[in-house]
């Protein structure tokens, strides 16, 4: 049973990347652009942005699934909720800490994967508007962003 629940949690975590990609492309850059727009603008002193409401939008189903899963002994629901929660933690660490440096924890990383994620997200933010974006994922981005830059030979 434990292995099944761990598999459900892990699968949910992986599926959340696709959910996040679709939500980012079609919801955040779609009908809820007014909540996401400030995220594409230059940062000022305000630490919070309207875009942070998406954290709540994803946290509510996670909490409800965990709560109902334990309350009604439907542990597979709790496992799904934990998968969403773990993805939320990864999102916070990668997006808010690593990429946008809201906290200076990984400021000087040399990890090629993390640098590739940061580069892909910077490309996403080159477009300040709602349309013509690219790189909507967070953990899985095109391989071209992980290649080492070519150095010129003299």
C-alpha atoms as a PDB file:
ATOM      1  CA  UNK A   1       0.000   0.000   0.000  1.00  0.00           C
ATOM      2  CA  UNK A   2       2.787   2.449   0.900  1.00  0.00           C
ATOM      3  CA  UNK A   3       4.538   1.841  -2.416  1.00  0.00           C
ATOM      4  CA  UNK A   4       1.284   2.541  -4.274  1.00  0.00           C
ATOM      5  CA  UNK A   5       0.779   5.783  -2.373  1.00  0.00           C
ATOM      6  CA  UNK A   6       4.362   6.881  -3.044  1.00  0.00           C
ATOM      7  CA  UNK A   7       3.898   6.071  -6.726  1.00  0.00           C
ATOM      8  CA  UNK A   8       0.683   8.135  -6.806  1.00  0.00           C
ATOM      9  CA  UNK A   9       2.475  11.038  -5.090  1.00  0.00           C
ATOM     10  CA  UNK A  10       5.423  10.879  -7.493  1.00  0.00           C
ATOM     11  CA  UNK A  11       3.143  10.543 -10.548  1.00  0.00           C
ATOM     12  CA  UNK A  12       1.098  13.527  -9.404  1.00  0.00           C
ATOM     13  CA  UNK A  13       4.291  15.554  -8.994  1.00  0.00           C
ATOM     14  CA  UNK A  14       5.318  14.745 -12.585  1.00  0.00           C
ATOM     15  CA  UNK A  15       1.820  15.400 -13.956  1.00  0.00           C
ATOM     16  CA  UNK A  16       1.827  18.779 -12.207  1.00  0.00           C
ATOM     17  CA  UNK A  17       4.510  19.968 -14.635  1.00  0.00           C
ATOM     18  CA  UNK A  18       2.048  19.453 -17.500  1.00  0.00           C
ATOM     19  CA  UNK A  19      -0.761  21.049 -15.477  1.00  0.00           C
ATOM     20  CA  UNK A  20       1.510  23.999 -14.693  1.00  0.00           C
ATOM     21  CA  UNK A  21       2.569  24.353 -18.345  1.00  0.00           C
ATOM     22  CA  UNK A  22      -1.059  24.385 -19.529  1.00  0.00           C
ATOM     23  CA  UNK A  23      -2.149  26.705 -16.721  1.00  0.00           C
ATOM     24  CA  UNK A  24       0.722  29.075 -17.411  1.00  0.00           C
ATOM     25  CA  UNK A  25       0.144  29.191 -21.166  1.00  0.00           C
ATOM     26  CA  UNK A  26      -3.665  29.154 -21.364  1.00  0.00           C
ATOM     27  CA  UNK A  27      -4.829  30.586 -18.030  1.00  0.00           C
ATOM     28  CA  UNK A  28      -2.076  32.911 -16.806  1.00  0.00           C
ATOM     29  CA  UNK A  29      -1.360  34.167 -20.324  1.00  0.00           C
ATOM     30  CA  UNK A  30      -5.079  33.886 -21.104  1.00  0.00           C
ATOM     31  CA  UNK A  31      -8.173  34.898 -19.176  1.00  0.00           C
ATOM     32  CA  UNK A  32      -6.320  35.461 -15.863  1.00  0.00           C
ATOM     33  CA  UNK A  33      -3.589  37.618 -17.408  1.00  0.00           C
ATOM     34  CA  UNK A  34      -4.626  40.483 -15.108  1.00  0.00           C
ATOM     35  CA  UNK A  35      -3.306  38.409 -12.172  1.00  0.00           C
ATOM     36  CA  UNK A  36      -0.107  37.333 -13.962  1.00  0.00           C
ATOM     37  CA  UNK A  37       0.750  40.559 -15.786  1.00  0.00           C
ATOM     38  CA  UNK A  38       2.617  42.188 -12.903  1.00  0.00           C
ATOM     39  CA  UNK A  39       4.957  39.185 -12.835  1.00  0.00           C
ATOM     40  CA  UNK A  40       6.210  40.183 -16.305  1.00  0.00           C
ATOM     41  CA  UNK A  41       6.901  43.781 -15.315  1.00  0.00           C
ATOM     42  CA  UNK A  42      10.133  45.075 -13.805  1.00  0.00           C
ATOM     43  CA  UNK A  43      10.258  44.556 -10.036  1.00  0.00           C
ATOM     44  CA  UNK A  44       9.904  47.399  -7.620  1.00  0.00           C
ATOM     45  CA  UNK A  45      10.014  47.378  -3.814  1.00  0.00           C
ATOM     46  CA  UNK A  46       6.833  45.353  -3.321  1.00  0.00           C
ATOM     47  CA  UNK A  47       7.752  41.750  -2.420  1.00  0.00           C
ATOM     48  CA  UNK A  48       4.269  40.438  -3.289  1.00  0.00           C
ATOM     49  CA  UNK A  49       2.526  40.560  -6.640  1.00  0.00           C
ATOM     50  CA  UNK A  50      -0.958  39.624  -7.815  1.00  0.00           C
ATOM     51  CA  UNK A  51       0.648  36.616  -9.490  1.00  0.00           C
ATOM     52  CA  UNK A  52       1.263  35.149  -6.014  1.00  0.00           C
ATOM     53  CA  UNK A  53      -2.469  34.384  -5.815  1.00  0.00           C
ATOM     54  CA  UNK A  54      -1.787  31.392  -8.067  1.00  0.00           C
ATOM     55  CA  UNK A  55      -0.031  29.837  -5.060  1.00  0.00           C
ATOM     56  CA  UNK A  56      -3.380  29.876  -3.253  1.00  0.00           C
ATOM     57  CA  UNK A  57      -5.201  28.593  -6.335  1.00  0.00           C
ATOM     58  CA  UNK A  58      -2.957  25.496  -6.349  1.00  0.00           C
ATOM     59  CA  UNK A  59      -2.699  25.147  -2.562  1.00  0.00           C
ATOM     60  CA  UNK A  60      -6.459  24.898  -1.964  1.00  0.00           C
ATOM     61  CA  UNK A  61      -7.029  21.650  -3.927  1.00  0.00           C
ATOM     62  CA  UNK A  62      -3.873  20.180  -2.396  1.00  0.00           C
ATOM     63  CA  UNK A  63      -5.082  20.942   1.124  1.00  0.00           C
ATOM     64  CA  UNK A  64      -8.600  19.675   0.404  1.00  0.00           C
ATOM     65  CA  UNK A  65      -7.322  16.411  -1.086  1.00  0.00           C
ATOM     66  CA  UNK A  66      -5.011  15.782   1.867  1.00  0.00           C
ATOM     67  CA  UNK A  67      -7.736  16.663   4.372  1.00  0.00           C
ATOM     68  CA  UNK A  68     -10.418  14.528   2.721  1.00  0.00           C
ATOM     69  CA  UNK A  69      -7.979  11.702   2.111  1.00  0.00           C
ATOM     70  CA  UNK A  70      -7.157  11.417   5.792  1.00  0.00           C
ATOM     71  CA  UNK A  71     -10.636  12.237   7.076  1.00  0.00           C
ATOM     72  CA  UNK A  72     -12.362   9.576   4.970  1.00  0.00           C
ATOM     73  CA  UNK A  73      -9.434   7.144   4.879  1.00  0.00           C
ATOM     74  CA  UNK A  74      -9.161   7.587   1.107  1.00  0.00           C
ATOM     75  CA  UNK A  75      -5.367   7.685   1.239  1.00  0.00           C
ATOM     76  CA  UNK A  76      -4.949   7.866  -2.532  1.00  0.00           C
ATOM     77  CA  UNK A  77      -6.562  11.342  -2.387  1.00  0.00           C
ATOM     78  CA  UNK A  78      -4.055  12.403   0.263  1.00  0.00           C
ATOM     79  CA  UNK A  79      -1.246  11.033  -1.925  1.00  0.00           C
ATOM     80  CA  UNK A  80      -2.458  13.187  -4.825  1.00  0.00           C
ATOM     81  CA  UNK A  81      -2.634  16.188  -2.488  1.00  0.00           C
ATOM     82  CA  UNK A  82       0.907  15.537  -1.286  1.00  0.00           C
ATOM     83  CA  UNK A  83       2.126  15.320  -4.903  1.00  0.00           C
ATOM     84  CA  UNK A  84       0.597  18.731  -5.600  1.00  0.00           C
ATOM     85  CA  UNK A  85       2.101  20.083  -2.365  1.00  0.00           C
ATOM     86  CA  UNK A  86       5.587  18.765  -3.218  1.00  0.00           C
ATOM     87  CA  UNK A  87       5.339  20.359  -6.648  1.00  0.00           C
ATOM     88  CA  UNK A  88       4.352  23.625  -4.946  1.00  0.00           C
ATOM     89  CA  UNK A  89       7.452  23.422  -2.770  1.00  0.00           C
ATOM     90  CA  UNK A  90       9.611  22.713  -5.839  1.00  0.00           C
ATOM     91  CA  UNK A  91       7.934  25.610  -7.638  1.00  0.00           C
ATOM     92  CA  UNK A  92       8.723  27.958  -4.761  1.00  0.00           C
ATOM     93  CA  UNK A  93      12.357  26.833  -4.580  1.00  0.00           C
ATOM     94  CA  UNK A  94      12.963  26.918  -8.336  1.00  0.00           C
ATOM     95  CA  UNK A  95      10.794  29.834  -9.438  1.00  0.00           C
ATOM     96  CA  UNK A  96      10.827  32.238  -6.511  1.00  0.00           C
ATOM     97  CA  UNK A  97      14.194  31.420  -4.922  1.00  0.00           C
ATOM     98  CA  UNK A  98      16.448  30.273  -7.785  1.00  0.00           C
ATOM     99  CA  UNK A  99      15.060  32.148 -10.781  1.00  0.00           C
ATOM    100  CA  UNK A 100      13.666  35.382  -9.362  1.00  0.00           C
ATOM    101  CA  UNK A 101      16.001  35.544  -6.348  1.00  0.00           C
ATOM    102  CA  UNK A 102      13.283  36.572  -3.880  1.00  0.00           C
ATOM    103  CA  UNK A 103      15.583  34.933  -1.363  1.00  0.00           C
ATOM    104  CA  UNK A 104      19.310  34.791  -2.027  1.00  0.00           C
ATOM    105  CA  UNK A 105      19.779  31.084  -1.287  1.00  0.00           C
ATOM    106  CA  UNK A 106      21.076  29.830  -4.661  1.00  0.00           C
ATOM    107  CA  UNK A 107      22.581  33.066  -5.917  1.00  0.00           C
ATOM    108  CA  UNK A 108      25.914  31.625  -7.044  1.00  0.00           C
ATOM    109  CA  UNK A 109      24.930  28.165  -8.311  1.00  0.00           C
ATOM    110  CA  UNK A 110      27.068  26.539 -10.980  1.00  0.00           C
ATOM    111  CA  UNK A 111      24.669  23.625 -11.503  1.00  0.00           C
ATOM    112  CA  UNK A 112      24.016  23.279 -15.259  1.00  0.00           C
ATOM    113  CA  UNK A 113      20.423  22.114 -14.799  1.00  0.00           C
ATOM    114  CA  UNK A 114      19.533  25.009 -12.489  1.00  0.00           C
ATOM    115  CA  UNK A 115      21.274  27.508 -14.769  1.00  0.00           C
ATOM    116  CA  UNK A 116      19.311  26.074 -17.726  1.00  0.00           C
ATOM    117  CA  UNK A 117      16.034  26.539 -15.872  1.00  0.00           C
ATOM    118  CA  UNK A 118      17.009  30.112 -15.065  1.00  0.00           C
ATOM    119  CA  UNK A 119      17.960  30.812 -18.688  1.00  0.00           C
ATOM    120  CA  UNK A 120      14.690  29.384 -20.050  1.00  0.00           C
ATOM    121  CA  UNK A 121      12.673  31.487 -17.634  1.00  0.00           C
ATOM    122  CA  UNK A 122      14.599  34.623 -18.581  1.00  0.00           C
ATOM    123  CA  UNK A 123      13.707  33.916 -22.211  1.00  0.00           C
ATOM    124  CA  UNK A 124      10.072  33.596 -21.129  1.00  0.00           C
ATOM    125  CA  UNK A 125      10.266  37.003 -19.448  1.00  0.00           C
ATOM    126  CA  UNK A 126      11.773  38.726 -22.492  1.00  0.00           C
ATOM    127  CA  UNK A 127       8.182  39.140 -23.648  1.00  0.00           C
ATOM    128  CA  UNK A 128       6.490  41.654 -21.371  1.00  0.00           C
ATOM    129  CA  UNK A 129       3.081  41.058 -22.911  1.00  0.00           C
ATOM    130  CA  UNK A 130       0.468  38.361 -22.907  1.00  0.00           C
ATOM    131  CA  UNK A 131       1.278  36.863 -26.314  1.00  0.00           C
ATOM    132  CA  UNK A 132       4.211  35.255 -28.124  1.00  0.00           C
ATOM    133  CA  UNK A 133       5.688  33.678 -25.012  1.00  0.00           C
ATOM    134  CA  UNK A 134       7.779  30.529 -24.858  1.00  0.00           C
ATOM    135  CA  UNK A 135       9.140  28.230 -22.136  1.00  0.00           C
ATOM    136  CA  UNK A 136       5.974  27.877 -20.058  1.00  0.00           C
ATOM    137  CA  UNK A 137       7.283  24.918 -18.058  1.00  0.00           C
ATOM    138  CA  UNK A 138       9.249  25.086 -14.856  1.00  0.00           C
ATOM    139  CA  UNK A 139      11.167  21.839 -14.339  1.00  0.00           C
ATOM    140  CA  UNK A 140      11.240  20.482 -17.892  1.00  0.00           C
ATOM    141  CA  UNK A 141      12.392  23.000 -20.467  1.00  0.00           C
ATOM    142  CA  UNK A 142      13.915  22.499 -23.939  1.00  0.00           C
ATOM    143  CA  UNK A 143      17.381  20.940 -23.905  1.00  0.00           C
ATOM    144  CA  UNK A 144      18.944  23.892 -25.744  1.00  0.00           C
ATOM    145  CA  UNK A 145      18.912  25.865 -22.480  1.00  0.00           C
ATOM    146  CA  UNK A 146      21.214  23.366 -20.779  1.00  0.00           C
ATOM    147  CA  UNK A 147      24.053  23.537 -23.305  1.00  0.00           C
ATOM    148  CA  UNK A 148      27.229  25.240 -22.270  1.00  0.00           C
ATOM    149  CA  UNK A 149      27.843  28.489 -24.128  1.00  0.00           C
ATOM    150  CA  UNK A 150      30.463  28.208 -26.834  1.00  0.00           C
ATOM    151  CA  UNK A 151      33.644  30.076 -26.004  1.00  0.00           C
ATOM    152  CA  UNK A 152      35.555  31.861 -28.747  1.00  0.00           C
ATOM    153  CA  UNK A 153      38.971  30.466 -29.511  1.00  0.00           C
ATOM    154  CA  UNK A 154      41.684  33.006 -30.162  1.00  0.00           C
END
